[in-house]
Amino acid sequence: MTELLLRFLIGGAVVSLFAAIGDLLRPKSFAGLFGAAPSVALATLALAVRSNGALYTSLEGRSMIAGSVAMFVYAYAVSCVMMRGTRSALCVTAWAMPLWFGAAGLLWLVWLR
């Protein structure tokens, strides 16, 4: 329960910090981008260092990097297809999901295993 409360407090503080920084930038959509994922990742890594040590945390950080690369591949493919055609968002995102999972699996095989 204590770890969950700490994660909540650390995550909330970092979200607020990133949202304040994002408010200063243009366009304003950066506030949401910088507020969500980095705060959760930083809170998770801070708690992992405390409870499991540096080696475990380095593996977690490497896995987060691989996941974000796979997500970028997915987002890039979806945005390219959406900007060129008149396909529905549901169709394009459903089509690209195997690409995301394939990129994540390939990164796991090559880098994380």
PDB file of N, CA and C in Angstrom:
ATOM      1  N   MET A   1       0.818  -1.192   0.000  1.00  0.00           N
ATOM      2  CA  MET A   1       0.000   0.000   0.000  1.00  0.00           C
ATOM      3  C   MET A   1       0.865   1.261   0.000  1.00  0.00           C
ATOM      4  N   THR A   2       1.977   1.203   0.757  1.00  0.00           N
ATOM      5  CA  THR A   2       2.876   2.350   0.830  1.00  0.00           C
ATOM      6  C   THR A   2       3.500   2.634  -0.527  1.00  0.00           C
ATOM      7  N   GLU A   3       3.889   1.574  -1.244  1.00  0.00           N
ATOM      8  CA  GLU A   3       4.489   1.762  -2.568  1.00  0.00           C
ATOM      9  C   GLU A   3       3.489   2.396  -3.528  1.00  0.00           C
ATOM     10  N   LEU A   4       2.240   1.982  -3.452  1.00  0.00           N
ATOM     11  CA  LEU A   4       1.212   2.569  -4.308  1.00  0.00           C
ATOM     12  C   LEU A   4       1.009   4.048  -3.992  1.00  0.00           C
ATOM     13  N   LEU A   5       1.015   4.395  -2.723  1.00  0.00           N
ATOM     14  CA  LEU A   5       0.872   5.792  -2.326  1.00  0.00           C
ATOM     15  C   LEU A   5       2.075   6.614  -2.792  1.00  0.00           C
ATOM     16  N   LEU A   6       3.277   6.070  -2.646  1.00  0.00           N
ATOM     17  CA  LEU A   6       4.469   6.766  -3.123  1.00  0.00           C
ATOM     18  C   LEU A   6       4.436   6.955  -4.631  1.00  0.00           C
ATOM     19  N   ARG A   7       4.023   5.932  -5.342  1.00  0.00           N
ATOM     20  CA  ARG A   7       3.927   6.037  -6.800  1.00  0.00           C
ATOM     21  C   ARG A   7       2.935   7.131  -7.188  1.00  0.00           C
ATOM     22  N   PHE A   8       1.832   7.177  -6.482  1.00  0.00           N
ATOM     23  CA  PHE A   8       0.819   8.207  -6.728  1.00  0.00           C
ATOM     24  C   PHE A   8       1.386   9.604  -6.483  1.00  0.00           C
ATOM     25  N   LEU A   9       2.077   9.787  -5.370  1.00  0.00           N
ATOM     26  CA  LEU A   9       2.614  11.105  -5.026  1.00  0.00           C
ATOM     27  C   LEU A   9       3.742  11.527  -5.974  1.00  0.00           C
ATOM     28  N   ILE A  10       4.669  10.622  -6.247  1.00  0.00           N
ATOM     29  CA  ILE A  10       5.765  10.947  -7.161  1.00  0.00           C
ATOM     30  C   ILE A  10       5.221  11.211  -8.554  1.00  0.00           C
ATOM     31  N   GLY A  11       4.340  10.350  -9.019  1.00  0.00           N
ATOM     32  CA  GLY A  11       3.751  10.524 -10.342  1.00  0.00           C
ATOM     33  C   GLY A  11       2.982  11.828 -10.456  1.00  0.00           C
ATOM     34  N   GLY A  12       2.215  12.173  -9.437  1.00  0.00           N
ATOM     35  CA  GLY A  12       1.456  13.420  -9.453  1.00  0.00           C
ATOM     36  C   GLY A  12       2.353  14.641  -9.468  1.00  0.00           C
ATOM     37  N   ALA A  13       3.430  14.589  -8.695  1.00  0.00           N
ATOM     38  CA  ALA A  13       4.363  15.723  -8.675  1.00  0.00           C
ATOM     39  C   ALA A  13       5.054  15.885 -10.022  1.00  0.00           C
ATOM     40  N   VAL A  14       5.467  14.784 -10.618  1.00  0.00           N
ATOM     41  CA  VAL A  14       6.162  14.870 -11.904  1.00  0.00           C
ATOM     42  C   VAL A  14       5.195  15.268 -13.018  1.00  0.00           C
ATOM     43  N   VAL A  15       3.957  14.772 -12.968  1.00  0.00           N
ATOM     44  CA  VAL A  15       2.958  15.195 -13.959  1.00  0.00           C
ATOM     45  C   VAL A  15       2.749  16.701 -13.873  1.00  0.00           C
ATOM     46  N   SER A  16       2.634  17.220 -12.667  1.00  0.00           N
ATOM     47  CA  SER A  16       2.448  18.663 -12.500  1.00  0.00           C
ATOM     48  C   SER A  16       3.644  19.438 -13.025  1.00  0.00           C
ATOM     49  N   LEU A  17       4.836  18.955 -12.767  1.00  0.00           N
ATOM     50  CA  LEU A  17       6.041  19.625 -13.255  1.00  0.00           C
ATOM     51  C   LEU A  17       6.096  19.625 -14.781  1.00  0.00           C
ATOM     52  N   PHE A  18       5.857  18.464 -15.387  1.00  0.00           N
ATOM     53  CA  PHE A  18       5.884  18.381 -16.846  1.00  0.00           C
ATOM     54  C   PHE A  18       4.756  19.191 -17.480  1.00  0.00           C
ATOM     55  N   ALA A  19       3.601  19.231 -16.835  1.00  0.00           N
ATOM     56  CA  ALA A  19       2.490  20.033 -17.362  1.00  0.00           C
ATOM     57  C   ALA A  19       2.832  21.520 -17.318  1.00  0.00           C
ATOM     58  N   ALA A  20       3.506  21.944 -16.256  1.00  0.00           N
ATOM     59  CA  ALA A  20       3.921  23.350 -16.166  1.00  0.00           C
ATOM     60  C   ALA A  20       4.948  23.677 -17.242  1.00  0.00           C
ATOM     61  N   ILE A  21       5.896  22.785 -17.469  1.00  0.00           N
ATOM     62  CA  ILE A  21       6.881  22.988 -18.538  1.00  0.00           C
ATOM     63  C   ILE A  21       6.191  22.976 -19.896  1.00  0.00           C
ATOM     64  N   GLY A  22       5.273  22.043 -20.090  1.00  0.00           N
ATOM     65  CA  GLY A  22       4.548  21.962 -21.354  1.00  0.00           C
ATOM     66  C   GLY A  22       3.684  23.173 -21.620  1.00  0.00           C
ATOM     67  N   ASP A  23       3.213  23.813 -20.568  1.00  0.00           N
ATOM     68  CA  ASP A  23       2.419  25.037 -20.728  1.00  0.00           C
ATOM     69  C   ASP A  23       3.245  26.174 -21.310  1.00  0.00           C
ATOM     70  N   LEU A  24       4.536  26.147 -21.061  1.00  0.00           N
ATOM     71  CA  LEU A  24       5.416  27.189 -21.574  1.00  0.00           C
ATOM     72  C   LEU A  24       5.750  26.990 -23.047  1.00  0.00           C
ATOM     73  N   LEU A  25       5.602  25.767 -23.541  1.00  0.00           N
ATOM     74  CA  LEU A  25       5.976  25.449 -24.916  1.00  0.00           C
ATOM     75  C   LEU A  25       4.807  25.642 -25.867  1.00  0.00           C
ATOM     76  N   ARG A  26       5.123  25.714 -27.136  1.00  0.00           N
ATOM     77  CA  ARG A  26       4.105  25.790 -28.177  1.00  0.00           C
ATOM     78  C   ARG A  26       4.246  24.569 -29.055  1.00  0.00           C
ATOM     79  N   PRO A  27       3.281  23.883 -29.502  1.00  0.00           N
ATOM     80  CA  PRO A  27       1.865  24.034 -29.201  1.00  0.00           C
ATOM     81  C   PRO A  27       1.536  23.495 -27.813  1.00  0.00           C
ATOM     82  N   LYS A  28       0.363  23.839 -27.347  1.00  0.00           N
ATOM     83  CA  LYS A  28      -0.059  23.462 -25.997  1.00  0.00           C
ATOM     84  C   LYS A  28      -0.243  21.956 -25.831  1.00  0.00           C
ATOM     85  N   SER A  29      -0.309  21.227 -26.926  1.00  0.00           N
ATOM     86  CA  SER A  29      -0.482  19.773 -26.829  1.00  0.00           C
ATOM     87  C   SER A  29       0.736  19.101 -26.207  1.00  0.00           C
ATOM     88  N   PHE A  30       1.872  19.803 -26.149  1.00  0.00           N
ATOM     89  CA  PHE A  30       3.045  19.236 -25.504  1.00  0.00           C
ATOM     90  C   PHE A  30       2.811  18.998 -24.017  1.00  0.00           C
ATOM     91  N   ALA A  31       1.930  19.770 -23.401  1.00  0.00           N
ATOM     92  CA  ALA A  31       1.669  19.602 -21.972  1.00  0.00           C
ATOM     93  C   ALA A  31       1.171  18.197 -21.676  1.00  0.00           C
ATOM     94  N   GLY A  32       0.248  17.696 -22.480  1.00  0.00           N
ATOM     95  CA  GLY A  32      -0.245  16.338 -22.286  1.00  0.00           C
ATOM     96  C   GLY A  32       0.787  15.288 -22.614  1.00  0.00           C
ATOM     97  N   LEU A  33       1.556  15.538 -23.654  1.00  0.00           N
ATOM     98  CA  LEU A  33       2.593  14.596 -24.063  1.00  0.00           C
ATOM     99  C   LEU A  33       3.650  14.444 -22.986  1.00  0.00           C
ATOM    100  N   PHE A  34       4.101  15.566 -22.437  1.00  0.00           N
ATOM    101  CA  PHE A  34       5.137  15.515 -21.426  1.00  0.00           C
ATOM    102  C   PHE A  34       4.599  15.154 -20.050  1.00  0.00           C
ATOM    103  N   GLY A  35       3.297  15.232 -19.869  1.00  0.00           N
ATOM    104  CA  GLY A  35       2.735  14.979 -18.553  1.00  0.00           C
ATOM    105  C   GLY A  35       2.445  13.526 -18.252  1.00  0.00           C
ATOM    106  N   ALA A  36       2.224  12.708 -19.250  1.00  0.00           N
ATOM    107  CA  ALA A  36       1.717  11.363 -19.008  1.00  0.00           C
ATOM    108  C   ALA A  36       2.829  10.328 -18.822  1.00  0.00           C
ATOM    109  N   ALA A  37       3.389   9.866 -19.896  1.00  0.00           N
ATOM    110  CA  ALA A  37       4.319   8.735 -19.849  1.00  0.00           C
ATOM    111  C   ALA A  37       5.589   8.999 -19.050  1.00  0.00           C
ATOM    112  N   PRO A  38       6.249  10.130 -19.208  1.00  0.00           N
ATOM    113  CA  PRO A  38       7.489  10.311 -18.442  1.00  0.00           C
ATOM    114  C   PRO A  38       7.278  10.281 -16.940  1.00  0.00           C
ATOM    115  N   SER A  39       6.168  10.813 -16.475  1.00  0.00           N
ATOM    116  CA  SER A  39       5.949  10.845 -15.033  1.00  0.00           C
ATOM    117  C   SER A  39       5.731   9.447 -14.471  1.00  0.00           C
ATOM    118  N   VAL A  40       4.984   8.641 -15.171  1.00  0.00           N
ATOM    119  CA  VAL A  40       4.748   7.273 -14.709  1.00  0.00           C
ATOM    120  C   VAL A  40       6.046   6.477 -14.757  1.00  0.00           C
ATOM    121  N   ALA A  41       6.820   6.650 -15.824  1.00  0.00           N
ATOM    122  CA  ALA A  41       8.091   5.930 -15.947  1.00  0.00           C
ATOM    123  C   ALA A  41       9.065   6.343 -14.847  1.00  0.00           C
ATOM    124  N   LEU A  42       9.166   7.631 -14.580  1.00  0.00           N
ATOM    125  CA  LEU A  42      10.089   8.087 -13.539  1.00  0.00           C
ATOM    126  C   LEU A  42       9.670   7.603 -12.154  1.00  0.00           C
ATOM    127  N   ALA A  43       8.385   7.630 -11.877  1.00  0.00           N
ATOM    128  CA  ALA A  43       7.916   7.131 -10.579  1.00  0.00           C
ATOM    129  C   ALA A  43       8.194   5.638 -10.444  1.00  0.00           C
ATOM    130  N   THR A  44       7.961   4.884 -11.505  1.00  0.00           N
ATOM    131  CA  THR A  44       8.209   3.446 -11.477  1.00  0.00           C
ATOM    132  C   THR A  44       9.694   3.149 -11.277  1.00  0.00           C
ATOM    133  N   LEU A  45      10.548   3.857 -12.004  1.00  0.00           N
ATOM    134  CA  LEU A  45      11.987   3.628 -11.869  1.00  0.00           C
ATOM    135  C   LEU A  45      12.504   4.042 -10.494  1.00  0.00           C
ATOM    136  N   ALA A  46      11.990   5.122  -9.942  1.00  0.00           N
ATOM    137  CA  ALA A  46      12.422   5.546  -8.609  1.00  0.00           C
ATOM    138  C   ALA A  46      12.052   4.507  -7.555  1.00  0.00           C
ATOM    139  N   LEU A  47      10.876   3.964  -7.652  1.00  0.00           N
ATOM    140  CA  LEU A  47      10.468   2.932  -6.691  1.00  0.00           C
ATOM    141  C   LEU A  47      11.211   1.626  -6.928  1.00  0.00           C
ATOM    142  N   ALA A  48      11.520   1.319  -8.176  1.00  0.00           N
ATOM    143  CA  ALA A  48      12.254   0.085  -8.477  1.00  0.00           C
ATOM    144  C   ALA A  48      13.670   0.138  -7.921  1.00  0.00           C
ATOM    145  N   VAL A  49      14.317   1.293  -7.998  1.00  0.00           N
ATOM    146  CA  VAL A  49      15.664   1.426  -7.432  1.00  0.00           C
ATOM    147  C   VAL A  49      15.627   1.183  -5.934  1.00  0.00           C
ATOM    148  N   ARG A  50      14.619   1.750  -5.306  1.00  0.00           N
ATOM    149  CA  ARG A  50      14.512   1.626  -3.851  1.00  0.00           C
ATOM    150  C   ARG A  50      14.223   0.192  -3.406  1.00  0.00           C
ATOM    151  N   SER A  51      13.377  -0.490  -4.145  1.00  0.00           N
ATOM    152  CA  SER A  51      12.956  -1.813  -3.671  1.00  0.00           C
ATOM    153  C   SER A  51      13.727  -2.973  -4.289  1.00  0.00           C
ATOM    154  N   ASN A  52      14.248  -2.820  -5.523  1.00  0.00           N
ATOM    155  CA  ASN A  52      14.864  -3.965  -6.197  1.00  0.00           C
ATOM    156  C   ASN A  52      16.320  -3.771  -6.578  1.00  0.00           C
ATOM    157  N   GLY A  53      16.842  -2.571  -6.469  1.00  0.00           N
ATOM    158  CA  GLY A  53      18.240  -2.342  -6.778  1.00  0.00           C
ATOM    159  C   GLY A  53      18.467  -1.804  -8.178  1.00  0.00           C
ATOM    160  N   ALA A  54      19.718  -1.424  -8.422  1.00  0.00           N
ATOM    161  CA  ALA A  54      20.074  -0.741  -9.669  1.00  0.00           C
ATOM    162  C   ALA A  54      20.055  -1.679 -10.875  1.00  0.00           C
ATOM    163  N   LEU A  55      20.470  -2.922 -10.726  1.00  0.00           N
ATOM    164  CA  LEU A  55      20.506  -3.839 -11.869  1.00  0.00           C
ATOM    165  C   LEU A  55      19.099  -4.095 -12.409  1.00  0.00           C
ATOM    166  N   TYR A  56      18.176  -4.380 -11.530  1.00  0.00           N
ATOM    167  CA  TYR A  56      16.787  -4.591 -11.934  1.00  0.00           C
ATOM    168  C   TYR A  56      16.221  -3.344 -12.604  1.00  0.00           C
ATOM    169  N   THR A  57      16.519  -2.190 -12.033  1.00  0.00           N
ATOM    170  CA  THR A  57      16.003  -0.940 -12.575  1.00  0.00           C
ATOM    171  C   THR A  57      16.579  -0.651 -13.950  1.00  0.00           C
ATOM    172  N   SER A  58      17.840  -0.996 -14.170  1.00  0.00           N
ATOM    173  CA  SER A  58      18.424  -0.784 -15.498  1.00  0.00           C
ATOM    174  C   SER A  58      17.739  -1.669 -16.532  1.00  0.00           C
ATOM    175  N   LEU A  59      17.367  -2.873 -16.167  1.00  0.00           N
ATOM    176  CA  LEU A  59      16.631  -3.747 -17.083  1.00  0.00           C
ATOM    177  C   LEU A  59      15.230  -3.193 -17.361  1.00  0.00           C
ATOM    178  N   GLU A  60      14.597  -2.645 -16.337  1.00  0.00           N
ATOM    179  CA  GLU A  60      13.286  -2.022 -16.522  1.00  0.00           C
ATOM    180  C   GLU A  60      13.379  -0.815 -17.450  1.00  0.00           C
ATOM    181  N   GLY A  61      14.397   0.006 -17.267  1.00  0.00           N
ATOM    182  CA  GLY A  61      14.589   1.175 -18.119  1.00  0.00           C
ATOM    183  C   GLY A  61      14.845   0.792 -19.563  1.00  0.00           C
ATOM    184  N   ARG A  62      15.638  -0.239 -19.762  1.00  0.00           N
ATOM    185  CA  ARG A  62      15.909  -0.722 -21.120  1.00  0.00           C
ATOM    186  C   ARG A  62      14.642  -1.251 -21.769  1.00  0.00           C
ATOM    187  N   SER A  63      13.815  -1.921 -21.010  1.00  0.00           N
ATOM    188  CA  SER A  63      12.541  -2.414 -21.532  1.00  0.00           C
ATOM    189  C   SER A  63      11.608  -1.268 -21.882  1.00  0.00           C
ATOM    190  N   MET A  64      11.624  -0.211 -21.076  1.00  0.00           N
ATOM    191  CA  MET A  64      10.800   0.965 -21.384  1.00  0.00           C
ATOM    192  C   MET A  64      11.254   1.624 -22.683  1.00  0.00           C
ATOM    193  N   ILE A  65      12.559   1.687 -22.908  1.00  0.00           N
ATOM    194  CA  ILE A  65      13.075   2.262 -24.148  1.00  0.00           C
ATOM    195  C   ILE A  65      12.638   1.426 -25.342  1.00  0.00           C
ATOM    196  N   ALA A  66      12.741   0.108 -25.228  1.00  0.00           N
ATOM    197  CA  ALA A  66      12.325  -0.767 -26.325  1.00  0.00           C
ATOM    198  C   ALA A  66      10.825  -0.618 -26.604  1.00  0.00           C
ATOM    199  N   GLY A  67      10.037  -0.531 -25.557  1.00  0.00           N
ATOM    200  CA  GLY A  67       8.595  -0.339 -25.735  1.00  0.00           C
ATOM    201  C   GLY A  67       8.263   0.974 -26.408  1.00  0.00           C
ATOM    202  N   SER A  68       8.998   2.018 -26.069  1.00  0.00           N
ATOM    203  CA  SER A  68       8.733   3.310 -26.700  1.00  0.00           C
ATOM    204  C   SER A  68       9.165   3.321 -28.161  1.00  0.00           C
ATOM    205  N   VAL A  69      10.217   2.598 -28.506  1.00  0.00           N
ATOM    206  CA  VAL A  69      10.621   2.493 -29.911  1.00  0.00           C
ATOM    207  C   VAL A  69       9.547   1.754 -30.706  1.00  0.00           C
ATOM    208  N   ALA A  70       9.024   0.668 -30.146  1.00  0.00           N
ATOM    209  CA  ALA A  70       7.952  -0.073 -30.824  1.00  0.00           C
ATOM    210  C   ALA A  70       6.708   0.794 -30.971  1.00  0.00           C
ATOM    211  N   MET A  71       6.389   1.584 -29.961  1.00  0.00           N
ATOM    212  CA  MET A  71       5.247   2.489 -30.040  1.00  0.00           C
ATOM    213  C   MET A  71       5.459   3.556 -31.108  1.00  0.00           C
ATOM    214  N   PHE A  72       6.696   4.050 -31.240  1.00  0.00           N
ATOM    215  CA  PHE A  72       6.996   5.034 -32.273  1.00  0.00           C
ATOM    216  C   PHE A  72       6.797   4.444 -33.666  1.00  0.00           C
ATOM    217  N   VAL A  73       7.226   3.204 -33.871  1.00  0.00           N
ATOM    218  CA  VAL A  73       7.030   2.540 -35.168  1.00  0.00           C
ATOM    219  C   VAL A  73       5.543   2.473 -35.490  1.00  0.00           C
ATOM    220  N   TYR A  74       4.748   2.089 -34.518  1.00  0.00           N
ATOM    221  CA  TYR A  74       3.302   2.009 -34.689  1.00  0.00           C
ATOM    222  C   TYR A  74       2.696   3.377 -35.000  1.00  0.00           C
ATOM    223  N   ALA A  75       3.042   4.379 -34.212  1.00  0.00           N
ATOM    224  CA  ALA A  75       2.478   5.722 -34.398  1.00  0.00           C
ATOM    225  C   ALA A  75       2.887   6.316 -35.739  1.00  0.00           C
ATOM    226  N   TYR A  76       4.113   6.081 -36.149  1.00  0.00           N
ATOM    227  CA  TYR A  76       4.578   6.591 -37.435  1.00  0.00           C
ATOM    228  C   TYR A  76       3.802   5.949 -38.582  1.00  0.00           C
ATOM    229  N   ALA A  77       3.619   4.631 -38.512  1.00  0.00           N
ATOM    230  CA  ALA A  77       2.878   3.934 -39.564  1.00  0.00           C
ATOM    231  C   ALA A  77       1.432   4.416 -39.626  1.00  0.00           C
ATOM    232  N   VAL A  78       0.796   4.548 -38.478  1.00  0.00           N
ATOM    233  CA  VAL A  78      -0.597   5.002 -38.450  1.00  0.00           C
ATOM    234  C   VAL A  78      -0.716   6.421 -39.005  1.00  0.00           C
ATOM    235  N   SER A  79       0.182   7.298 -38.592  1.00  0.00           N
ATOM    236  CA  SER A  79       0.076   8.675 -39.066  1.00  0.00           C
ATOM    237  C   SER A  79       0.345   8.773 -40.565  1.00  0.00           C
ATOM    238  N   CYS A  80       1.276   7.987 -41.091  1.00  0.00           N
ATOM    239  CA  CYS A  80       1.530   8.003 -42.543  1.00  0.00           C
ATOM    240  C   CYS A  80       0.305   7.547 -43.323  1.00  0.00           C
ATOM    241  N   VAL A  81      -0.315   6.475 -42.880  1.00  0.00           N
ATOM    242  CA  VAL A  81      -1.482   5.952 -43.584  1.00  0.00           C
ATOM    243  C   VAL A  81      -2.663   6.910 -43.450  1.00  0.00           C
ATOM    244  N   MET A  82      -2.873   7.463 -42.267  1.00  0.00           N
ATOM    245  CA  MET A  82      -4.010   8.366 -42.047  1.00  0.00           C
ATOM    246  C   MET A  82      -3.879   9.658 -42.855  1.00  0.00           C
ATOM    247  N   MET A  83      -2.663  10.137 -43.034  1.00  0.00           N
ATOM    248  CA  MET A  83      -2.481  11.398 -43.753  1.00  0.00           C
ATOM    249  C   MET A  83      -2.592  11.232 -45.266  1.00  0.00           C
ATOM    250  N   ARG A  84      -2.422  10.022 -45.762  1.00  0.00           N
ATOM    251  CA  ARG A  84      -2.462   9.803 -47.209  1.00  0.00           C
ATOM    252  C   ARG A  84      -3.809   9.337 -47.727  1.00  0.00           C
ATOM    253  N   GLY A  85      -4.614   8.768 -46.892  1.00  0.00           N
ATOM    254  CA  GLY A  85      -5.838   8.163 -47.393  1.00  0.00           C
ATOM    255  C   GLY A  85      -7.081   8.603 -46.657  1.00  0.00           C
ATOM    256  N   THR A  86      -8.151   7.935 -47.012  1.00  0.00           N
ATOM    257  CA  THR A  86      -9.440   8.235 -46.397  1.00  0.00           C
ATOM    258  C   THR A  86      -9.948   7.041 -45.591  1.00  0.00           C
ATOM    259  N   ARG A  87      -9.040   6.257 -45.106  1.00  0.00           N
ATOM    260  CA  ARG A  87      -9.427   5.090 -44.304  1.00  0.00           C
ATOM    261  C   ARG A  87      -9.851   5.531 -42.906  1.00  0.00           C
ATOM    262  N   SER A  88     -10.683   4.724 -42.301  1.00  0.00           N
ATOM    263  CA  SER A  88     -11.147   5.052 -40.951  1.00  0.00           C
ATOM    264  C   SER A  88     -10.028   4.804 -39.937  1.00  0.00           C
ATOM    265  N   ALA A  89     -10.074   5.543 -38.853  1.00  0.00           N
ATOM    266  CA  ALA A  89      -9.063   5.409 -37.811  1.00  0.00           C
ATOM    267  C   ALA A  89      -9.097   4.017 -37.194  1.00  0.00           C
ATOM    268  N   LEU A  90     -10.289   3.458 -37.028  1.00  0.00           N
ATOM    269  CA  LEU A  90     -10.401   2.116 -36.460  1.00  0.00           C
ATOM    270  C   LEU A  90      -9.734   1.084 -37.358  1.00  0.00           C
ATOM    271  N   CYS A  91      -9.942   1.188 -38.645  1.00  0.00           N
ATOM    272  CA  CYS A  91      -9.344   0.256 -39.599  1.00  0.00           C
ATOM    273  C   CYS A  91      -7.813   0.356 -39.586  1.00  0.00           C
ATOM    274  N   VAL A  92      -7.308   1.577 -39.588  1.00  0.00           N
ATOM    275  CA  VAL A  92      -5.856   1.774 -39.642  1.00  0.00           C
ATOM    276  C   VAL A  92      -5.192   1.318 -38.350  1.00  0.00           C
ATOM    277  N   THR A  93      -5.776   1.660 -37.203  1.00  0.00           N
ATOM    278  CA  THR A  93      -5.156   1.245 -35.950  1.00  0.00           C
ATOM    279  C   THR A  93      -5.212  -0.270 -35.766  1.00  0.00           C
ATOM    280  N   ALA A  94      -6.303  -0.890 -36.197  1.00  0.00           N
ATOM    281  CA  ALA A  94      -6.384  -2.351 -36.118  1.00  0.00           C
ATOM    282  C   ALA A  94      -5.358  -3.005 -37.037  1.00  0.00           C
ATOM    283  N   TRP A  95      -5.152  -2.417 -38.213  1.00  0.00           N
ATOM    284  CA  TRP A  95      -4.161  -2.943 -39.149  1.00  0.00           C
ATOM    285  C   TRP A  95      -2.745  -2.813 -38.578  1.00  0.00           C
ATOM    286  N   ALA A  96      -2.477  -1.737 -37.866  1.00  0.00           N
ATOM    287  CA  ALA A  96      -1.121  -1.465 -37.404  1.00  0.00           C
ATOM    288  C   ALA A  96      -0.769  -2.156 -36.084  1.00  0.00           C
ATOM    289  N   MET A  97      -1.735  -2.683 -35.372  1.00  0.00           N
ATOM    290  CA  MET A  97      -1.432  -3.355 -34.101  1.00  0.00           C
ATOM    291  C   MET A  97      -0.436  -4.503 -34.251  1.00  0.00           C
ATOM    292  N   PRO A  98      -0.583  -5.378 -35.250  1.00  0.00           N
ATOM    293  CA  PRO A  98       0.445  -6.419 -35.417  1.00  0.00           C
ATOM    294  C   PRO A  98       1.833  -5.842 -35.696  1.00  0.00           C
ATOM    295  N   LEU A  99       1.899  -4.684 -36.340  1.00  0.00           N
ATOM    296  CA  LEU A  99       3.186  -4.022 -36.564  1.00  0.00           C
ATOM    297  C   LEU A  99       3.820  -3.625 -35.234  1.00  0.00           C
ATOM    298  N   TRP A 100       3.019  -3.080 -34.345  1.00  0.00           N
ATOM    299  CA  TRP A 100       3.508  -2.696 -33.019  1.00  0.00           C
ATOM    300  C   TRP A 100       4.023  -3.921 -32.264  1.00  0.00           C
ATOM    301  N   PHE A 101       3.212  -4.967 -32.224  1.00  0.00           N
ATOM    302  CA  PHE A 101       3.619  -6.180 -31.504  1.00  0.00           C
ATOM    303  C   PHE A 101       4.828  -6.837 -32.159  1.00  0.00           C
ATOM    304  N   GLY A 102       4.881  -6.790 -33.482  1.00  0.00           N
ATOM    305  CA  GLY A 102       6.034  -7.347 -34.187  1.00  0.00           C
ATOM    306  C   GLY A 102       7.309  -6.573 -33.887  1.00  0.00           C
ATOM    307  N   ALA A 103       7.219  -5.249 -33.854  1.00  0.00           N
ATOM    308  CA  ALA A 103       8.392  -4.436 -33.526  1.00  0.00           C
ATOM    309  C   ALA A 103       8.849  -4.704 -32.095  1.00  0.00           C
ATOM    310  N   ALA A 104       7.903  -4.820 -31.180  1.00  0.00           N
ATOM    311  CA  ALA A 104       8.247  -5.109 -29.779  1.00  0.00           C
ATOM    312  C   ALA A 104       8.886  -6.490 -29.659  1.00  0.00           C
ATOM    313  N   GLY A 105       8.328  -7.472 -30.361  1.00  0.00           N
ATOM    314  CA  GLY A 105       8.898  -8.815 -30.327  1.00  0.00           C
ATOM    315  C   GLY A 105      10.290  -8.874 -30.926  1.00  0.00           C
ATOM    316  N   LEU A 106      10.493  -8.167 -32.017  1.00  0.00           N
ATOM    317  CA  LEU A 106      11.810  -8.130 -32.650  1.00  0.00           C
ATOM    318  C   LEU A 106      12.833  -7.456 -31.737  1.00  0.00           C
ATOM    319  N   LEU A 107      12.451  -6.357 -31.111  1.00  0.00           N
ATOM    320  CA  LEU A 107      13.360  -5.701 -30.168  1.00  0.00           C
ATOM    321  C   LEU A 107      13.670  -6.602 -28.991  1.00  0.00           C
ATOM    322  N   TRP A 108      12.705  -7.339 -28.523  1.00  0.00           N
ATOM    323  CA  TRP A 108      12.952  -8.259 -27.415  1.00  0.00           C
ATOM    324  C   TRP A 108      13.948  -9.338 -27.823  1.00  0.00           C
ATOM    325  N   LEU A 109      13.754  -9.906 -29.022  1.00  0.00           N
ATOM    326  CA  LEU A 109      14.654 -10.950 -29.489  1.00  0.00           C
ATOM    327  C   LEU A 109      16.074 -10.454 -29.709  1.00  0.00           C
ATOM    328  N   VAL A 110      16.197  -9.247 -30.275  1.00  0.00           N
ATOM    329  CA  VAL A 110      17.510  -8.739 -30.637  1.00  0.00           C
ATOM    330  C   VAL A 110      18.227  -8.075 -29.453  1.00  0.00           C
ATOM    331  N   TRP A 111      17.498  -7.311 -28.649  1.00  0.00           N
ATOM    332  CA  TRP A 111      18.148  -6.441 -27.670  1.00  0.00           C
ATOM    333  C   TRP A 111      17.946  -6.878 -26.228  1.00  0.00           C
ATOM    334  N   LEU A 112      16.771  -7.356 -25.892  1.00  0.00           N
ATOM    335  CA  LEU A 112      16.459  -7.599 -24.479  1.00  0.00           C
ATOM    336  C   LEU A 112      16.715  -9.022 -24.017  1.00  0.00           C
ATOM    337  N   ARG A 113      16.802  -9.921 -24.909  1.00  0.00           N
ATOM    338  CA  ARG A 113      16.934 -11.332 -24.514  1.00  0.00           C
ATOM    339  C   ARG A 113      18.311 -11.706 -24.127  1.00  0.00           C
TER     340      ARG A 113
END
